[in-house]
Amino acid sequence: MLNPGRWVIFVDSNVWYSRTLRERLGMLYVTPEAPPFHVQWTDDVLAELLYHLRKRHPQPPAPIRSTT
């Protein structure tokens, strides 16, 4: 993959939390040969994202059982 474009995009936790926005950002990033931008975030953004995900889904997902 070539070097990312000249724009730097700071992604807030609201973008990572929204499945639609997450998918659109990913599609924009991987579609062209060279991404038109470079994505950045901070540890605080990820901490806020995890807080809200855990608040909305307090129970961990059920383990996946093998059928074999």
PDB file of N, CA and C in Angstrom:
ATOM      1  N   MET A   1       0.850  -1.178   0.000  1.00  0.00           N
ATOM      2  CA  MET A   1       0.000   0.000   0.000  1.00  0.00           C
ATOM      3  C   MET A   1       0.891   1.234   0.000  1.00  0.00           C
ATOM      4  N   LEU A   2       0.523   2.217  -0.742  1.00  0.00           N
ATOM      5  CA  LEU A   2       1.277   3.463  -0.820  1.00  0.00           C
ATOM      6  C   LEU A   2       1.064   4.291   0.435  1.00  0.00           C
ATOM      7  N   ASN A   3       1.862   5.341   0.584  1.00  0.00           N
ATOM      8  CA  ASN A   3       1.728   6.224   1.741  1.00  0.00           C
ATOM      9  C   ASN A   3       0.354   6.872   1.769  1.00  0.00           C
ATOM     10  N   PRO A   4      -0.201   7.063   2.981  1.00  0.00           N
ATOM     11  CA  PRO A   4      -1.501   7.728   3.084  1.00  0.00           C
ATOM     12  C   PRO A   4      -1.447   9.148   2.535  1.00  0.00           C
ATOM     13  N   GLY A   5      -2.610   9.685   2.238  1.00  0.00           N
ATOM     14  CA  GLY A   5      -2.724  11.036   1.703  1.00  0.00           C
ATOM     15  C   GLY A   5      -2.234  12.098   2.653  1.00  0.00           C
ATOM     16  N   ARG A   6      -2.423  13.321   2.248  1.00  0.00           N
ATOM     17  CA  ARG A   6      -1.872  14.431   3.016  1.00  0.00           C
ATOM     18  C   ARG A   6      -2.760  14.856   4.169  1.00  0.00           C
ATOM     19  N   TRP A   7      -3.996  14.387   4.242  1.00  0.00           N
ATOM     20  CA  TRP A   7      -4.894  14.781   5.315  1.00  0.00           C
ATOM     21  C   TRP A   7      -4.810  13.817   6.477  1.00  0.00           C
ATOM     22  N   VAL A   8      -4.857  14.386   7.685  1.00  0.00           N
ATOM     23  CA  VAL A   8      -4.896  13.595   8.909  1.00  0.00           C
ATOM     24  C   VAL A   8      -6.272  13.787   9.515  1.00  0.00           C
ATOM     25  N   ILE A   9      -6.948  12.690   9.805  1.00  0.00           N
ATOM     26  CA  ILE A   9      -8.287  12.742  10.386  1.00  0.00           C
ATOM     27  C   ILE A   9      -8.215  12.210  11.808  1.00  0.00           C
ATOM     28  N   PHE A  10      -8.646  13.038  12.766  1.00  0.00           N
ATOM     29  CA  PHE A  10      -8.738  12.603  14.155  1.00  0.00           C
ATOM     30  C   PHE A  10     -10.134  12.040  14.365  1.00  0.00           C
ATOM     31  N   VAL A  11     -10.201  10.762  14.711  1.00  0.00           N
ATOM     32  CA  VAL A  11     -11.490  10.085  14.854  1.00  0.00           C
ATOM     33  C   VAL A  11     -11.877  10.044  16.325  1.00  0.00           C
ATOM     34  N   ASP A  12     -13.036  10.612  16.639  1.00  0.00           N
ATOM     35  CA  ASP A  12     -13.564  10.649  17.995  1.00  0.00           C
ATOM     36  C   ASP A  12     -14.275   9.340  18.312  1.00  0.00           C
ATOM     37  N   SER A  13     -14.567   9.119  19.586  1.00  0.00           N
ATOM     38  CA  SER A  13     -15.226   7.875  19.994  1.00  0.00           C
ATOM     39  C   SER A  13     -16.621   7.734  19.391  1.00  0.00           C
ATOM     40  N   ASN A  14     -17.281   8.846  19.073  1.00  0.00           N
ATOM     41  CA  ASN A  14     -18.611   8.767  18.458  1.00  0.00           C
ATOM     42  C   ASN A  14     -18.556   8.075  17.100  1.00  0.00           C
ATOM     43  N   VAL A  15     -17.470   8.249  16.380  1.00  0.00           N
ATOM     44  CA  VAL A  15     -17.316   7.591  15.081  1.00  0.00           C
ATOM     45  C   VAL A  15     -17.070   6.105  15.283  1.00  0.00           C
ATOM     46  N   TRP A  16     -16.188   5.752  16.221  1.00  0.00           N
ATOM     47  CA  TRP A  16     -15.914   4.334  16.467  1.00  0.00           C
ATOM     48  C   TRP A  16     -17.135   3.626  17.041  1.00  0.00           C
ATOM     49  N   TYR A  17     -17.952   4.313  17.816  1.00  0.00           N
ATOM     50  CA  TYR A  17     -19.128   3.691  18.438  1.00  0.00           C
ATOM     51  C   TYR A  17     -20.198   3.362  17.402  1.00  0.00           C
ATOM     52  N   SER A  18     -20.362   4.212  16.435  1.00  0.00           N
ATOM     53  CA  SER A  18     -21.382   4.009  15.406  1.00  0.00           C
ATOM     54  C   SER A  18     -20.892   2.992  14.379  1.00  0.00           C
ATOM     55  N   ARG A  19     -21.605   1.891  14.268  1.00  0.00           N
ATOM     56  CA  ARG A  19     -21.206   0.851  13.314  1.00  0.00           C
ATOM     57  C   ARG A  19     -21.202   1.388  11.883  1.00  0.00           C
ATOM     58  N   THR A  20     -22.206   2.182  11.548  1.00  0.00           N
ATOM     59  CA  THR A  20     -22.299   2.732  10.192  1.00  0.00           C
ATOM     60  C   THR A  20     -21.105   3.629   9.880  1.00  0.00           C
ATOM     61  N   LEU A  21     -20.780   4.543  10.793  1.00  0.00           N
ATOM     62  CA  LEU A  21     -19.648   5.445  10.562  1.00  0.00           C
ATOM     63  C   LEU A  21     -18.326   4.683  10.512  1.00  0.00           C
ATOM     64  N   ARG A  22     -18.188   3.681  11.374  1.00  0.00           N
ATOM     65  CA  ARG A  22     -16.981   2.851  11.375  1.00  0.00           C
ATOM     66  C   ARG A  22     -16.785   2.166  10.029  1.00  0.00           C
ATOM     67  N   GLU A  23     -17.869   1.593   9.501  1.00  0.00           N
ATOM     68  CA  GLU A  23     -17.790   0.899   8.214  1.00  0.00           C
ATOM     69  C   GLU A  23     -17.503   1.866   7.070  1.00  0.00           C
ATOM     70  N   ARG A  24     -18.147   3.021   7.079  1.00  0.00           N
ATOM     71  CA  ARG A  24     -17.916   4.007   6.011  1.00  0.00           C
ATOM     72  C   ARG A  24     -16.474   4.506   6.027  1.00  0.00           C
ATOM     73  N   LEU A  25     -15.958   4.778   7.214  1.00  0.00           N
ATOM     74  CA  LEU A  25     -14.573   5.233   7.327  1.00  0.00           C
ATOM     75  C   LEU A  25     -13.622   4.155   6.812  1.00  0.00           C
ATOM     76  N   GLY A  26     -13.885   2.922   7.174  1.00  0.00           N
ATOM     77  CA  GLY A  26     -13.054   1.826   6.685  1.00  0.00           C
ATOM     78  C   GLY A  26     -13.126   1.671   5.181  1.00  0.00           C
ATOM     79  N   MET A  27     -14.321   1.809   4.609  1.00  0.00           N
ATOM     80  CA  MET A  27     -14.470   1.691   3.155  1.00  0.00           C
ATOM     81  C   MET A  27     -13.723   2.815   2.442  1.00  0.00           C
ATOM     82  N   LEU A  28     -13.793   4.025   2.972  1.00  0.00           N
ATOM     83  CA  LEU A  28     -13.064   5.146   2.370  1.00  0.00           C
ATOM     84  C   LEU A  28     -11.559   4.929   2.442  1.00  0.00           C
ATOM     85  N   TYR A  29     -11.118   4.312   3.521  1.00  0.00           N
ATOM     86  CA  TYR A  29      -9.682   4.146   3.729  1.00  0.00           C
ATOM     87  C   TYR A  29      -9.090   3.056   2.845  1.00  0.00           C
ATOM     88  N   VAL A  30      -9.803   1.960   2.644  1.00  0.00           N
ATOM     89  CA  VAL A  30      -9.219   0.823   1.921  1.00  0.00           C
ATOM     90  C   VAL A  30      -9.613   0.742   0.453  1.00  0.00           C
ATOM     91  N   THR A  31     -10.559   1.547   0.001  1.00  0.00           N
ATOM     92  CA  THR A  31     -11.015   1.453  -1.384  1.00  0.00           C
ATOM     93  C   THR A  31      -9.951   1.857  -2.398  1.00  0.00           C
ATOM     94  N   PRO A  32      -9.341   3.022  -2.292  1.00  0.00           N
ATOM     95  CA  PRO A  32      -8.374   3.413  -3.328  1.00  0.00           C
ATOM     96  C   PRO A  32      -7.022   2.731  -3.132  1.00  0.00           C
ATOM     97  N   GLU A  33      -6.197   2.828  -4.159  1.00  0.00           N
ATOM     98  CA  GLU A  33      -4.827   2.305  -4.064  1.00  0.00           C
ATOM     99  C   GLU A  33      -4.069   2.976  -2.922  1.00  0.00           C
ATOM    100  N   ALA A  34      -4.166   4.287  -2.850  1.00  0.00           N
ATOM    101  CA  ALA A  34      -3.518   5.046  -1.783  1.00  0.00           C
ATOM    102  C   ALA A  34      -4.603   5.755  -0.986  1.00  0.00           C
ATOM    103  N   PRO A  35      -4.723   5.465   0.314  1.00  0.00           N
ATOM    104  CA  PRO A  35      -5.751   6.124   1.118  1.00  0.00           C
ATOM    105  C   PRO A  35      -5.606   7.641   1.054  1.00  0.00           C
ATOM    106  N   PRO A  36      -6.710   8.364   0.965  1.00  0.00           N
ATOM    107  CA  PRO A  36      -6.639   9.824   0.853  1.00  0.00           C
ATOM    108  C   PRO A  36      -6.338  10.521   2.177  1.00  0.00           C
ATOM    109  N   PHE A  37      -6.266   9.759   3.264  1.00  0.00           N
ATOM    110  CA  PHE A  37      -6.053  10.367   4.576  1.00  0.00           C
ATOM    111  C   PHE A  37      -5.387   9.366   5.509  1.00  0.00           C
ATOM    112  N   HIS A  38      -4.912   9.881   6.640  1.00  0.00           N
ATOM    113  CA  HIS A  38      -4.307   9.068   7.691  1.00  0.00           C
ATOM    114  C   HIS A  38      -5.193   9.215   8.922  1.00  0.00           C
ATOM    115  N   VAL A  39      -5.592   8.118   9.528  1.00  0.00           N
ATOM    116  CA  VAL A  39      -6.506   8.134  10.675  1.00  0.00           C
ATOM    117  C   VAL A  39      -5.704   8.099  11.973  1.00  0.00           C
ATOM    118  N   GLN A  40      -6.095   8.955  12.925  1.00  0.00           N
ATOM    119  CA  GLN A  40      -5.459   8.976  14.242  1.00  0.00           C
ATOM    120  C   GLN A  40      -6.519   9.036  15.327  1.00  0.00           C
ATOM    121  N   TRP A  41      -6.156   8.524  16.515  1.00  0.00           N
ATOM    122  CA  TRP A  41      -6.995   8.601  17.698  1.00  0.00           C
ATOM    123  C   TRP A  41      -6.080   8.528  18.906  1.00  0.00           C
ATOM    124  N   THR A  42      -6.629   8.732  20.087  1.00  0.00           N
ATOM    125  CA  THR A  42      -5.828   8.692  21.309  1.00  0.00           C
ATOM    126  C   THR A  42      -6.319   7.565  22.204  1.00  0.00           C
ATOM    127  N   ASP A  43      -5.551   7.288  23.245  1.00  0.00           N
ATOM    128  CA  ASP A  43      -5.966   6.284  24.226  1.00  0.00           C
ATOM    129  C   ASP A  43      -7.242   6.722  24.937  1.00  0.00           C
ATOM    130  N   ASP A  44      -7.401   8.024  25.156  1.00  0.00           N
ATOM    131  CA  ASP A  44      -8.610   8.527  25.802  1.00  0.00           C
ATOM    132  C   ASP A  44      -9.850   8.270  24.949  1.00  0.00           C
ATOM    133  N   VAL A  45      -9.717   8.390  23.649  1.00  0.00           N
ATOM    134  CA  VAL A  45     -10.837   8.110  22.740  1.00  0.00           C
ATOM    135  C   VAL A  45     -11.232   6.644  22.862  1.00  0.00           C
ATOM    136  N   LEU A  46     -10.255   5.748  22.860  1.00  0.00           N
ATOM    137  CA  LEU A  46     -10.559   4.323  22.990  1.00  0.00           C
ATOM    138  C   LEU A  46     -11.148   3.997  24.360  1.00  0.00           C
ATOM    139  N   ALA A  47     -10.660   4.655  25.416  1.00  0.00           N
ATOM    140  CA  ALA A  47     -11.212   4.436  26.753  1.00  0.00           C
ATOM    141  C   ALA A  47     -12.675   4.870  26.811  1.00  0.00           C
ATOM    142  N   GLU A  48     -12.992   6.003  26.201  1.00  0.00           N
ATOM    143  CA  GLU A  48     -14.381   6.469  26.164  1.00  0.00           C
ATOM    144  C   GLU A  48     -15.252   5.507  25.366  1.00  0.00           C
ATOM    145  N   LEU A  49     -14.742   5.015  24.261  1.00  0.00           N
ATOM    146  CA  LEU A  49     -15.476   4.044  23.453  1.00  0.00           C
ATOM    147  C   LEU A  49     -15.771   2.785  24.262  1.00  0.00           C
ATOM    148  N   LEU A  50     -14.765   2.231  24.924  1.00  0.00           N
ATOM    149  CA  LEU A  50     -14.974   1.021  25.722  1.00  0.00           C
ATOM    150  C   LEU A  50     -15.954   1.255  26.857  1.00  0.00           C
ATOM    151  N   TYR A  51     -15.887   2.421  27.489  1.00  0.00           N
ATOM    152  CA  TYR A  51     -16.828   2.757  28.559  1.00  0.00           C
ATOM    153  C   TYR A  51     -18.266   2.683  28.054  1.00  0.00           C
ATOM    154  N   HIS A  52     -18.534   3.322  26.920  1.00  0.00           N
ATOM    155  CA  HIS A  52     -19.898   3.356  26.394  1.00  0.00           C
ATOM    156  C   HIS A  52     -20.344   1.996  25.867  1.00  0.00           C
ATOM    157  N   LEU A  53     -19.433   1.234  25.277  1.00  0.00           N
ATOM    158  CA  LEU A  53     -19.794  -0.114  24.825  1.00  0.00           C
ATOM    159  C   LEU A  53     -20.146  -1.009  26.011  1.00  0.00           C
ATOM    160  N   ARG A  54     -19.360  -0.926  27.075  1.00  0.00           N
ATOM    161  CA  ARG A  54     -19.635  -1.743  28.265  1.00  0.00           C
ATOM    162  C   ARG A  54     -20.890  -1.276  28.983  1.00  0.00           C
ATOM    163  N   LYS A  55     -21.157   0.010  28.934  1.00  0.00           N
ATOM    164  CA  LYS A  55     -22.372   0.541  29.553  1.00  0.00           C
ATOM    165  C   LYS A  55     -23.610   0.026  28.820  1.00  0.00           C
ATOM    166  N   ARG A  56     -23.530  -0.018  27.492  1.00  0.00           N
ATOM    167  CA  ARG A  56     -24.674  -0.478  26.697  1.00  0.00           C
ATOM    168  C   ARG A  56     -24.802  -1.998  26.711  1.00  0.00           C
ATOM    169  N   HIS A  57     -23.696  -2.707  26.782  1.00  0.00           N
ATOM    170  CA  HIS A  57     -23.683  -4.172  26.770  1.00  0.00           C
ATOM    171  C   HIS A  57     -22.914  -4.661  28.003  1.00  0.00           C
ATOM    172  N   PRO A  58     -23.543  -4.645  29.196  1.00  0.00           N
ATOM    173  CA  PRO A  58     -22.815  -4.989  30.420  1.00  0.00           C
ATOM    174  C   PRO A  58     -22.409  -6.461  30.513  1.00  0.00           C
ATOM    175  N   GLN A  59     -23.163  -7.342  29.894  1.00  0.00           N
ATOM    176  CA  GLN A  59     -22.834  -8.763  29.941  1.00  0.00           C
ATOM    177  C   GLN A  59     -21.890  -9.115  28.801  1.00  0.00           C
ATOM    178  N   PRO A  60     -20.859  -9.896  29.086  1.00  0.00           N
ATOM    179  CA  PRO A  60     -19.990 -10.320  27.987  1.00  0.00           C
ATOM    180  C   PRO A  60     -20.753 -11.251  27.051  1.00  0.00           C
ATOM    181  N   PRO A  61     -20.359 -11.318  25.798  1.00  0.00           N
ATOM    182  CA  PRO A  61     -21.057 -12.211  24.877  1.00  0.00           C
ATOM    183  C   PRO A  61     -20.882 -13.664  25.295  1.00  0.00           C
ATOM    184  N   ALA A  62     -21.871 -14.474  24.979  1.00  0.00           N
ATOM    185  CA  ALA A  62     -21.800 -15.897  25.303  1.00  0.00           C
ATOM    186  C   ALA A  62     -20.671 -16.540  24.504  1.00  0.00           C
ATOM    187  N   PRO A  63     -19.989 -17.505  25.116  1.00  0.00           N
ATOM    188  CA  PRO A  63     -18.914 -18.172  24.374  1.00  0.00           C
ATOM    189  C   PRO A  63     -19.464 -18.952  23.183  1.00  0.00           C
ATOM    190  N   ILE A  64     -18.678 -19.025  22.149  1.00  0.00           N
ATOM    191  CA  ILE A  64     -19.074 -19.764  20.951  1.00  0.00           C
ATOM    192  C   ILE A  64     -18.682 -21.216  21.148  1.00  0.00           C
ATOM    193  N   ARG A  65     -19.647 -22.101  20.998  1.00  0.00           N
ATOM    194  CA  ARG A  65     -19.380 -23.527  21.180  1.00  0.00           C
ATOM    195  C   ARG A  65     -19.097 -24.178  19.840  1.00  0.00           C
ATOM    196  N   SER A  66     -18.149 -25.054  19.870  1.00  0.00           N
ATOM    197  CA  SER A  66     -17.805 -25.788  18.657  1.00  0.00           C
ATOM    198  C   SER A  66     -18.841 -26.882  18.420  1.00  0.00           C
ATOM    199  N   THR A  67     -19.224 -27.085  17.181  1.00  0.00           N
ATOM    200  CA  THR A  67     -20.211 -28.124  16.859  1.00  0.00           C
ATOM    201  C   THR A  67     -19.540 -29.421  16.435  1.00  0.00           C
ATOM    202  N   THR A  68     -18.223 -29.443  16.460  1.00  0.00           N
ATOM    203  CA  THR A  68     -17.522 -30.672  16.054  1.00  0.00           C
ATOM    204  C   THR A  68     -17.126 -31.496  17.235  1.00  0.00           C
TER     205      THR A  68
END
